[in-house]
Amino acid sequence: MKGEIGEVLNNLYRIIEERKRELPEGSYTAELFKKGQDRILQKVGEEAIESILALKSRERKEAVYEVADLLYHLLVALVNEGITLDEVAEELKRRMK
């Protein structure tokens, strides 16, 4: 399992890019893009708060669920702004020095 998170995030990022391009009917992701930046960022904020509360409560299963929601919505926000995971990775690498 170790190292799998990068692959999962990259695959999800590509799917989100596809949803933005194609805007398929019935897709939650496409609906977020249609509603625009304000709604996307509102969801990031909501999920961040829910993640904090779940982590604070020490309910492991709930924390994992909420953090996954937060990561998903962050990816939607990144795709919306044209920021790649490679850019984020480079910044994280820079901070490790």
PDB file of N, CA and C in Angstrom:
ATOM      1  N   MET A   1       0.815  -1.199   0.000  1.00  0.00           N
ATOM      2  CA  MET A   1       0.000   0.000   0.000  1.00  0.00           C
ATOM      3  C   MET A   1       0.861   1.268   0.000  1.00  0.00           C
ATOM      4  N   LYS A   2       2.022   1.175   0.617  1.00  0.00           N
ATOM      5  CA  LYS A   2       2.868   2.364   0.731  1.00  0.00           C
ATOM      6  C   LYS A   2       3.197   2.912  -0.657  1.00  0.00           C
ATOM      7  N   GLY A   3       3.082   4.216  -0.811  1.00  0.00           N
ATOM      8  CA  GLY A   3       3.355   4.854  -2.085  1.00  0.00           C
ATOM      9  C   GLY A   3       2.162   4.920  -3.014  1.00  0.00           C
ATOM     10  N   GLU A   4       1.084   4.246  -2.667  1.00  0.00           N
ATOM     11  CA  GLU A   4      -0.096   4.185  -3.528  1.00  0.00           C
ATOM     12  C   GLU A   4      -0.843   5.520  -3.582  1.00  0.00           C
ATOM     13  N   ILE A   5      -0.726   6.344  -2.559  1.00  0.00           N
ATOM     14  CA  ILE A   5      -1.496   7.597  -2.515  1.00  0.00           C
ATOM     15  C   ILE A   5      -1.175   8.493  -3.709  1.00  0.00           C
ATOM     16  N   GLY A   6       0.082   8.531  -4.115  1.00  0.00           N
ATOM     17  CA  GLY A   6       0.448   9.350  -5.267  1.00  0.00           C
ATOM     18  C   GLY A   6      -0.248   8.894  -6.528  1.00  0.00           C
ATOM     19  N   GLU A   7      -0.296   7.600  -6.717  1.00  0.00           N
ATOM     20  CA  GLU A   7      -0.965   7.036  -7.893  1.00  0.00           C
ATOM     21  C   GLU A   7      -2.467   7.329  -7.849  1.00  0.00           C
ATOM     22  N   VAL A   8      -3.061   7.163  -6.683  1.00  0.00           N
ATOM     23  CA  VAL A   8      -4.492   7.423  -6.527  1.00  0.00           C
ATOM     24  C   VAL A   8      -4.793   8.900  -6.814  1.00  0.00           C
ATOM     25  N   LEU A   9      -4.004   9.795  -6.240  1.00  0.00           N
ATOM     26  CA  LEU A   9      -4.233  11.229  -6.459  1.00  0.00           C
ATOM     27  C   LEU A   9      -4.041  11.604  -7.921  1.00  0.00           C
ATOM     28  N   ASN A  10      -3.006  11.063  -8.557  1.00  0.00           N
ATOM     29  CA  ASN A  10      -2.784  11.344  -9.982  1.00  0.00           C
ATOM     30  C   ASN A  10      -3.928  10.849 -10.843  1.00  0.00           C
ATOM     31  N   ASN A  11      -4.414   9.640 -10.575  1.00  0.00           N
ATOM     32  CA  ASN A  11      -5.540   9.100 -11.349  1.00  0.00           C
ATOM     33  C   ASN A  11      -6.800   9.918 -11.129  1.00  0.00           C
ATOM     34  N   LEU A  12      -7.065  10.278  -9.888  1.00  0.00           N
ATOM     35  CA  LEU A  12      -8.242  11.084  -9.590  1.00  0.00           C
ATOM     36  C   LEU A  12      -8.141  12.459 -10.249  1.00  0.00           C
ATOM     37  N   TYR A  13      -6.962  13.047 -10.221  1.00  0.00           N
ATOM     38  CA  TYR A  13      -6.742  14.346 -10.868  1.00  0.00           C
ATOM     39  C   TYR A  13      -7.096  14.263 -12.351  1.00  0.00           C
ATOM     40  N   ARG A  14      -6.642  13.192 -13.010  1.00  0.00           N
ATOM     41  CA  ARG A  14      -6.940  13.018 -14.436  1.00  0.00           C
ATOM     42  C   ARG A  14      -8.445  12.852 -14.686  1.00  0.00           C
ATOM     43  N   ILE A  15      -9.109  12.116 -13.819  1.00  0.00           N
ATOM     44  CA  ILE A  15     -10.565  11.949 -13.954  1.00  0.00           C
ATOM     45  C   ILE A  15     -11.265  13.292 -13.777  1.00  0.00           C
ATOM     46  N   ILE A  16     -10.830  14.074 -12.814  1.00  0.00           N
ATOM     47  CA  ILE A  16     -11.432  15.390 -12.575  1.00  0.00           C
ATOM     48  C   ILE A  16     -11.201  16.304 -13.781  1.00  0.00           C
ATOM     49  N   GLU A  17      -9.998  16.264 -14.361  1.00  0.00           N
ATOM     50  CA  GLU A  17      -9.735  17.043 -15.584  1.00  0.00           C
ATOM     51  C   GLU A  17     -10.703  16.647 -16.700  1.00  0.00           C
ATOM     52  N   GLU A  18     -10.917  15.346 -16.839  1.00  0.00           N
ATOM     53  CA  GLU A  18     -11.840  14.831 -17.863  1.00  0.00           C
ATOM     54  C   GLU A  18     -13.257  15.341 -17.612  1.00  0.00           C
ATOM     55  N   ARG A  19     -13.693  15.307 -16.363  1.00  0.00           N
ATOM     56  CA  ARG A  19     -15.035  15.794 -16.021  1.00  0.00           C
ATOM     57  C   ARG A  19     -15.169  17.289 -16.349  1.00  0.00           C
ATOM     58  N   LYS A  20     -14.109  18.033 -16.125  1.00  0.00           N
ATOM     59  CA  LYS A  20     -14.146  19.477 -16.438  1.00  0.00           C
ATOM     60  C   LYS A  20     -14.276  19.686 -17.946  1.00  0.00           C
ATOM     61  N   ARG A  21     -13.527  18.903 -18.713  1.00  0.00           N
ATOM     62  CA  ARG A  21     -13.574  19.027 -20.178  1.00  0.00           C
ATOM     63  C   ARG A  21     -14.924  18.622 -20.746  1.00  0.00           C
ATOM     64  N   GLU A  22     -15.437  17.486 -20.266  1.00  0.00           N
ATOM     65  CA  GLU A  22     -16.621  16.881 -20.878  1.00  0.00           C
ATOM     66  C   GLU A  22     -17.935  17.282 -20.221  1.00  0.00           C
ATOM     67  N   LEU A  23     -17.892  17.704 -18.952  1.00  0.00           N
ATOM     68  CA  LEU A  23     -19.085  18.081 -18.186  1.00  0.00           C
ATOM     69  C   LEU A  23     -20.237  17.086 -18.381  1.00  0.00           C
ATOM     70  N   PRO A  24     -19.992  15.799 -18.074  1.00  0.00           N
ATOM     71  CA  PRO A  24     -21.041  14.798 -18.279  1.00  0.00           C
ATOM     72  C   PRO A  24     -22.255  15.028 -17.378  1.00  0.00           C
ATOM     73  N   GLU A  25     -23.402  14.778 -17.931  1.00  0.00           N
ATOM     74  CA  GLU A  25     -24.666  14.912 -17.195  1.00  0.00           C
ATOM     75  C   GLU A  25     -24.671  13.951 -16.006  1.00  0.00           C
ATOM     76  N   GLY A  26     -25.127  14.436 -14.868  1.00  0.00           N
ATOM     77  CA  GLY A  26     -25.246  13.596 -13.681  1.00  0.00           C
ATOM     78  C   GLY A  26     -23.965  13.463 -12.868  1.00  0.00           C
ATOM     79  N   SER A  27     -22.903  14.110 -13.299  1.00  0.00           N
ATOM     80  CA  SER A  27     -21.624  14.042 -12.580  1.00  0.00           C
ATOM     81  C   SER A  27     -21.562  15.147 -11.524  1.00  0.00           C
ATOM     82  N   TYR A  28     -21.322  14.745 -10.274  1.00  0.00           N
ATOM     83  CA  TYR A  28     -21.164  15.721  -9.186  1.00  0.00           C
ATOM     84  C   TYR A  28     -20.000  16.665  -9.487  1.00  0.00           C
ATOM     85  N   THR A  29     -18.909  16.119  -9.991  1.00  0.00           N
ATOM     86  CA  THR A  29     -17.737  16.934 -10.314  1.00  0.00           C
ATOM     87  C   THR A  29     -18.072  17.964 -11.382  1.00  0.00           C
ATOM     88  N   ALA A  30     -18.763  17.537 -12.423  1.00  0.00           N
ATOM     89  CA  ALA A  30     -19.164  18.466 -13.483  1.00  0.00           C
ATOM     90  C   ALA A  30     -20.060  19.564 -12.924  1.00  0.00           C
ATOM     91  N   GLU A  31     -20.951  19.215 -12.023  1.00  0.00           N
ATOM     92  CA  GLU A  31     -21.831  20.213 -11.399  1.00  0.00           C
ATOM     93  C   GLU A  31     -21.026  21.251 -10.624  1.00  0.00           C
ATOM     94  N   LEU A  32     -19.999  20.800  -9.927  1.00  0.00           N
ATOM     95  CA  LEU A  32     -19.143  21.753  -9.217  1.00  0.00           C
ATOM     96  C   LEU A  32     -18.509  22.736 -10.191  1.00  0.00           C
ATOM     97  N   PHE A  33     -17.982  22.223 -11.304  1.00  0.00           N
ATOM     98  CA  PHE A  33     -17.368  23.114 -12.288  1.00  0.00           C
ATOM     99  C   PHE A  33     -18.389  24.083 -12.877  1.00  0.00           C
ATOM    100  N   LYS A  34     -19.590  23.615 -13.110  1.00  0.00           N
ATOM    101  CA  LYS A  34     -20.639  24.484 -13.647  1.00  0.00           C
ATOM    102  C   LYS A  34     -20.994  25.598 -12.670  1.00  0.00           C
ATOM    103  N   LYS A  35     -20.945  25.304 -11.369  1.00  0.00           N
ATOM    104  CA  LYS A  35     -21.293  26.298 -10.348  1.00  0.00           C
ATOM    105  C   LYS A  35     -20.164  27.290 -10.105  1.00  0.00           C
ATOM    106  N   GLY A  36     -18.943  26.934 -10.485  1.00  0.00           N
ATOM    107  CA  GLY A  36     -17.840  27.874 -10.460  1.00  0.00           C
ATOM    108  C   GLY A  36     -16.976  27.868  -9.205  1.00  0.00           C
ATOM    109  N   GLN A  37     -15.994  28.753  -9.249  1.00  0.00           N
ATOM    110  CA  GLN A  37     -14.969  28.823  -8.215  1.00  0.00           C
ATOM    111  C   GLN A  37     -15.529  29.013  -6.811  1.00  0.00           C
ATOM    112  N   ASP A  38     -16.491  29.911  -6.655  1.00  0.00           N
ATOM    113  CA  ASP A  38     -17.012  30.165  -5.308  1.00  0.00           C
ATOM    114  C   ASP A  38     -17.568  28.900  -4.670  1.00  0.00           C
ATOM    115  N   ARG A  39     -18.340  28.124  -5.414  1.00  0.00           N
ATOM    116  CA  ARG A  39     -18.910  26.886  -4.875  1.00  0.00           C
ATOM    117  C   ARG A  39     -17.830  25.848  -4.589  1.00  0.00           C
ATOM    118  N   ILE A  40     -16.868  25.747  -5.503  1.00  0.00           N
ATOM    119  CA  ILE A  40     -15.769  24.790  -5.303  1.00  0.00           C
ATOM    120  C   ILE A  40     -15.010  25.133  -4.020  1.00  0.00           C
ATOM    121  N   LEU A  41     -14.668  26.394  -3.848  1.00  0.00           N
ATOM    122  CA  LEU A  41     -13.909  26.801  -2.662  1.00  0.00           C
ATOM    123  C   LEU A  41     -14.747  26.702  -1.389  1.00  0.00           C
ATOM    124  N   GLN A  42     -16.037  26.942  -1.511  1.00  0.00           N
ATOM    125  CA  GLN A  42     -16.926  26.748  -0.358  1.00  0.00           C
ATOM    126  C   GLN A  42     -16.878  25.292   0.096  1.00  0.00           C
ATOM    127  N   LYS A  43     -16.904  24.367  -0.856  1.00  0.00           N
ATOM    128  CA  LYS A  43     -16.838  22.941  -0.525  1.00  0.00           C
ATOM    129  C   LYS A  43     -15.494  22.586   0.119  1.00  0.00           C
ATOM    130  N   VAL A  44     -14.402  23.182  -0.371  1.00  0.00           N
ATOM    131  CA  VAL A  44     -13.095  22.940   0.250  1.00  0.00           C
ATOM    132  C   VAL A  44     -13.144  23.372   1.712  1.00  0.00           C
ATOM    133  N   GLY A  45     -13.705  24.552   1.968  1.00  0.00           N
ATOM    134  CA  GLY A  45     -13.813  25.048   3.339  1.00  0.00           C
ATOM    135  C   GLY A  45     -14.668  24.146   4.214  1.00  0.00           C
ATOM    136  N   GLU A  46     -15.810  23.739   3.698  1.00  0.00           N
ATOM    137  CA  GLU A  46     -16.701  22.849   4.458  1.00  0.00           C
ATOM    138  C   GLU A  46     -15.998  21.539   4.796  1.00  0.00           C
ATOM    139  N   GLU A  47     -15.325  20.968   3.812  1.00  0.00           N
ATOM    140  CA  GLU A  47     -14.649  19.687   4.035  1.00  0.00           C
ATOM    141  C   GLU A  47     -13.467  19.836   4.980  1.00  0.00           C
ATOM    142  N   ALA A  48     -12.802  20.979   4.944  1.00  0.00           N
ATOM    143  CA  ALA A  48     -11.696  21.217   5.884  1.00  0.00           C
ATOM    144  C   ALA A  48     -12.223  21.238   7.314  1.00  0.00           C
ATOM    145  N   ILE A  49     -13.317  21.937   7.524  1.00  0.00           N
ATOM    146  CA  ILE A  49     -13.920  21.990   8.865  1.00  0.00           C
ATOM    147  C   ILE A  49     -14.381  20.608   9.304  1.00  0.00           C
ATOM    148  N   GLU A  50     -15.046  19.882   8.413  1.00  0.00           N
ATOM    149  CA  GLU A  50     -15.511  18.533   8.750  1.00  0.00           C
ATOM    150  C   GLU A  50     -14.336  17.608   9.058  1.00  0.00           C
ATOM    151  N   SER A  51     -13.222  17.777   8.341  1.00  0.00           N
ATOM    152  CA  SER A  51     -12.023  16.973   8.611  1.00  0.00           C
ATOM    153  C   SER A  51     -11.464  17.291   9.994  1.00  0.00           C
ATOM    154  N   ILE A  52     -11.394  18.557  10.320  1.00  0.00           N
ATOM    155  CA  ILE A  52     -10.895  18.971  11.630  1.00  0.00           C
ATOM    156  C   ILE A  52     -11.758  18.380  12.740  1.00  0.00           C
ATOM    157  N   LEU A  53     -13.061  18.490  12.585  1.00  0.00           N
ATOM    158  CA  LEU A  53     -13.972  17.972  13.614  1.00  0.00           C
ATOM    159  C   LEU A  53     -13.850  16.457  13.753  1.00  0.00           C
ATOM    160  N   ALA A  54     -13.733  15.764  12.634  1.00  0.00           N
ATOM    161  CA  ALA A  54     -13.597  14.306  12.685  1.00  0.00           C
ATOM    162  C   ALA A  54     -12.275  13.900  13.328  1.00  0.00           C
ATOM    163  N   LEU A  55     -11.206  14.605  13.007  1.00  0.00           N
ATOM    164  CA  LEU A  55      -9.912  14.309  13.612  1.00  0.00           C
ATOM    165  C   LEU A  55      -9.927  14.619  15.107  1.00  0.00           C
ATOM    166  N   LYS A  56     -10.562  15.704  15.455  1.00  0.00           N
ATOM    167  CA  LYS A  56     -10.664  16.095  16.869  1.00  0.00           C
ATOM    168  C   LYS A  56     -11.438  15.053  17.666  1.00  0.00           C
ATOM    169  N   SER A  57     -12.473  14.478  17.063  1.00  0.00           N
ATOM    170  CA  SER A  57     -13.305  13.490  17.754  1.00  0.00           C
ATOM    171  C   SER A  57     -12.605  12.136  17.886  1.00  0.00           C
ATOM    172  N   ARG A  58     -11.505  11.982  17.162  1.00  0.00           N
ATOM    173  CA  ARG A  58     -10.724  10.738  17.180  1.00  0.00           C
ATOM    174  C   ARG A  58     -11.508   9.536  16.654  1.00  0.00           C
ATOM    175  N   GLU A  59     -12.502   9.827  15.832  1.00  0.00           N
ATOM    176  CA  GLU A  59     -13.250   8.766  15.153  1.00  0.00           C
ATOM    177  C   GLU A  59     -12.515   8.448  13.857  1.00  0.00           C
ATOM    178  N   ARG A  60     -11.679   7.449  13.902  1.00  0.00           N
ATOM    179  CA  ARG A  60     -10.780   7.131  12.792  1.00  0.00           C
ATOM    180  C   ARG A  60     -11.500   6.974  11.448  1.00  0.00           C
ATOM    181  N   LYS A  61     -12.546   6.166  11.410  1.00  0.00           N
ATOM    182  CA  LYS A  61     -13.265   5.913  10.157  1.00  0.00           C
ATOM    183  C   LYS A  61     -13.847   7.215   9.595  1.00  0.00           C
ATOM    184  N   GLU A  62     -14.437   8.012  10.456  1.00  0.00           N
ATOM    185  CA  GLU A  62     -15.010   9.296  10.035  1.00  0.00           C
ATOM    186  C   GLU A  62     -13.910  10.255   9.560  1.00  0.00           C
ATOM    187  N   ALA A  63     -12.781  10.263  10.256  1.00  0.00           N
ATOM    188  CA  ALA A  63     -11.661  11.131   9.865  1.00  0.00           C
ATOM    189  C   ALA A  63     -11.143  10.750   8.479  1.00  0.00           C
ATOM    190  N   VAL A  64     -10.987   9.475   8.237  1.00  0.00           N
ATOM    191  CA  VAL A  64     -10.518   9.015   6.923  1.00  0.00           C
ATOM    192  C   VAL A  64     -11.508   9.443   5.839  1.00  0.00           C
ATOM    193  N   TYR A  65     -12.792   9.264   6.096  1.00  0.00           N
ATOM    194  CA  TYR A  65     -13.841   9.644   5.148  1.00  0.00           C
ATOM    195  C   TYR A  65     -13.783  11.145   4.835  1.00  0.00           C
ATOM    196  N   GLU A  66     -13.700  11.957   5.883  1.00  0.00           N
ATOM    197  CA  GLU A  66     -13.708  13.410   5.690  1.00  0.00           C
ATOM    198  C   GLU A  66     -12.426  13.912   5.029  1.00  0.00           C
ATOM    199  N   VAL A  67     -11.286  13.329   5.387  1.00  0.00           N
ATOM    200  CA  VAL A  67     -10.027  13.734   4.747  1.00  0.00           C
ATOM    201  C   VAL A  67     -10.055  13.361   3.262  1.00  0.00           C
ATOM    202  N   ALA A  68     -10.635  12.216   2.934  1.00  0.00           N
ATOM    203  CA  ALA A  68     -10.779  11.844   1.521  1.00  0.00           C
ATOM    204  C   ALA A  68     -11.646  12.867   0.785  1.00  0.00           C
ATOM    205  N   ASP A  69     -12.741  13.300   1.421  1.00  0.00           N
ATOM    206  CA  ASP A  69     -13.583  14.347   0.823  1.00  0.00           C
ATOM    207  C   ASP A  69     -12.795  15.630   0.617  1.00  0.00           C
ATOM    208  N   LEU A  70     -12.002  15.998   1.612  1.00  0.00           N
ATOM    209  CA  LEU A  70     -11.196  17.220   1.517  1.00  0.00           C
ATOM    210  C   LEU A  70     -10.195  17.115   0.371  1.00  0.00           C
ATOM    211  N   LEU A  71      -9.488  15.991   0.279  1.00  0.00           N
ATOM    212  CA  LEU A  71      -8.520  15.825  -0.802  1.00  0.00           C
ATOM    213  C   LEU A  71      -9.193  15.893  -2.169  1.00  0.00           C
ATOM    214  N   TYR A  72     -10.344  15.251  -2.300  1.00  0.00           N
ATOM    215  CA  TYR A  72     -11.089  15.292  -3.564  1.00  0.00           C
ATOM    216  C   TYR A  72     -11.432  16.745  -3.938  1.00  0.00           C
ATOM    217  N   HIS A  73     -12.000  17.490  -2.982  1.00  0.00           N
ATOM    218  CA  HIS A  73     -12.407  18.860  -3.286  1.00  0.00           C
ATOM    219  C   HIS A  73     -11.197  19.768  -3.534  1.00  0.00           C
ATOM    220  N   LEU A  74     -10.079  19.513  -2.859  1.00  0.00           N
ATOM    221  CA  LEU A  74      -8.855  20.254  -3.156  1.00  0.00           C
ATOM    222  C   LEU A  74      -8.396  19.983  -4.585  1.00  0.00           C
ATOM    223  N   LEU A  75      -8.492  18.730  -5.017  1.00  0.00           N
ATOM    224  CA  LEU A  75      -8.119  18.408  -6.392  1.00  0.00           C
ATOM    225  C   LEU A  75      -9.026  19.124  -7.391  1.00  0.00           C
ATOM    226  N   VAL A  76     -10.305  19.183  -7.103  1.00  0.00           N
ATOM    227  CA  VAL A  76     -11.231  19.916  -7.980  1.00  0.00           C
ATOM    228  C   VAL A  76     -10.804  21.381  -8.058  1.00  0.00           C
ATOM    229  N   ALA A  77     -10.466  21.969  -6.915  1.00  0.00           N
ATOM    230  CA  ALA A  77     -10.031  23.369  -6.892  1.00  0.00           C
ATOM    231  C   ALA A  77      -8.738  23.556  -7.685  1.00  0.00           C
ATOM    232  N   LEU A  78      -7.801  22.621  -7.550  1.00  0.00           N
ATOM    233  CA  LEU A  78      -6.543  22.714  -8.301  1.00  0.00           C
ATOM    234  C   LEU A  78      -6.799  22.632  -9.801  1.00  0.00           C
ATOM    235  N   VAL A  79      -7.596  21.660 -10.218  1.00  0.00           N
ATOM    236  CA  VAL A  79      -7.920  21.522 -11.646  1.00  0.00           C
ATOM    237  C   VAL A  79      -8.603  22.793 -12.138  1.00  0.00           C
ATOM    238  N   ASN A  80      -9.516  23.315 -11.357  1.00  0.00           N
ATOM    239  CA  ASN A  80     -10.234  24.528 -11.754  1.00  0.00           C
ATOM    240  C   ASN A  80      -9.280  25.694 -12.004  1.00  0.00           C
ATOM    241  N   GLU A  81      -8.210  25.760 -11.234  1.00  0.00           N
ATOM    242  CA  GLU A  81      -7.239  26.859 -11.359  1.00  0.00           C
ATOM    243  C   GLU A  81      -6.059  26.511 -12.263  1.00  0.00           C
ATOM    244  N   GLY A  82      -6.041  25.284 -12.786  1.00  0.00           N
ATOM    245  CA  GLY A  82      -4.955  24.885 -13.672  1.00  0.00           C
ATOM    246  C   GLY A  82      -3.643  24.630 -12.944  1.00  0.00           C
ATOM    247  N   ILE A  83      -3.713  24.323 -11.661  1.00  0.00           N
ATOM    248  CA  ILE A  83      -2.524  24.020 -10.870  1.00  0.00           C
ATOM    249  C   ILE A  83      -2.346  22.505 -10.868  1.00  0.00           C
ATOM    250  N   THR A  84      -1.155  22.054 -11.235  1.00  0.00           N
ATOM    251  CA  THR A  84      -0.911  20.615 -11.336  1.00  0.00           C
ATOM    252  C   THR A  84      -0.385  20.049 -10.020  1.00  0.00           C
ATOM    253  N   LEU A  85      -0.526  18.736  -9.892  1.00  0.00           N
ATOM    254  CA  LEU A  85       0.038  18.056  -8.726  1.00  0.00           C
ATOM    255  C   LEU A  85       1.561  18.126  -8.748  1.00  0.00           C
ATOM    256  N   ASP A  86       2.152  18.185  -9.931  1.00  0.00           N
ATOM    257  CA  ASP A  86       3.606  18.332 -10.026  1.00  0.00           C
ATOM    258  C   ASP A  86       4.063  19.646  -9.405  1.00  0.00           C
ATOM    259  N   GLU A  87       3.297  20.712  -9.611  1.00  0.00           N
ATOM    260  CA  GLU A  87       3.648  21.998  -9.004  1.00  0.00           C
ATOM    261  C   GLU A  87       3.601  21.912  -7.483  1.00  0.00           C
ATOM    262  N   VAL A  88       2.578  21.261  -6.975  1.00  0.00           N
ATOM    263  CA  VAL A  88       2.439  21.101  -5.532  1.00  0.00           C
ATOM    264  C   VAL A  88       3.575  20.228  -5.001  1.00  0.00           C
ATOM    265  N   ALA A  89       3.894  19.158  -5.724  1.00  0.00           N
ATOM    266  CA  ALA A  89       4.985  18.268  -5.312  1.00  0.00           C
ATOM    267  C   ALA A  89       6.307  19.019  -5.265  1.00  0.00           C
ATOM    268  N   GLU A  90       6.562  19.859  -6.252  1.00  0.00           N
ATOM    269  CA  GLU A  90       7.801  20.637  -6.271  1.00  0.00           C
ATOM    270  C   GLU A  90       7.892  21.564  -5.062  1.00  0.00           C
ATOM    271  N   GLU A  91       6.790  22.180  -4.713  1.00  0.00           N
ATOM    272  CA  GLU A  91       6.788  23.066  -3.538  1.00  0.00           C
ATOM    273  C   GLU A  91       7.048  22.264  -2.261  1.00  0.00           C
ATOM    274  N   LEU A  92       6.435  21.098  -2.153  1.00  0.00           N
ATOM    275  CA  LEU A  92       6.669  20.257  -0.976  1.00  0.00           C
ATOM    276  C   LEU A  92       8.130  19.799  -0.909  1.00  0.00           C
ATOM    277  N   LYS A  93       8.713  19.434  -2.056  1.00  0.00           N
ATOM    278  CA  LYS A  93      10.130  19.044  -2.099  1.00  0.00           C
ATOM    279  C   LYS A  93      11.017  20.207  -1.667  1.00  0.00           C
ATOM    280  N   ARG A  94      10.682  21.402  -2.130  1.00  0.00           N
ATOM    281  CA  ARG A  94      11.470  22.586  -1.782  1.00  0.00           C
ATOM    282  C   ARG A  94      11.463  22.778  -0.263  1.00  0.00           C
ATOM    283  N   ARG A  95      10.347  22.517   0.358  1.00  0.00           N
ATOM    284  CA  ARG A  95      10.222  22.709   1.803  1.00  0.00           C
ATOM    285  C   ARG A  95      10.960  21.653   2.610  1.00  0.00           C
ATOM    286  N   MET A  96      11.286  20.525   1.993  1.00  0.00           N
ATOM    287  CA  MET A  96      11.983  19.459   2.713  1.00  0.00           C
ATOM    288  C   MET A  96      13.490  19.722   2.799  1.00  0.00           C
ATOM    289  N   LYS A  97      13.970  20.717   2.103  1.00  0.00           N
ATOM    290  CA  LYS A  97      15.417  20.993   2.100  1.00  0.00           C
ATOM    291  C   LYS A  97      15.851  21.711   3.355  1.00  0.00           C
TER     292      LYS A  97
END
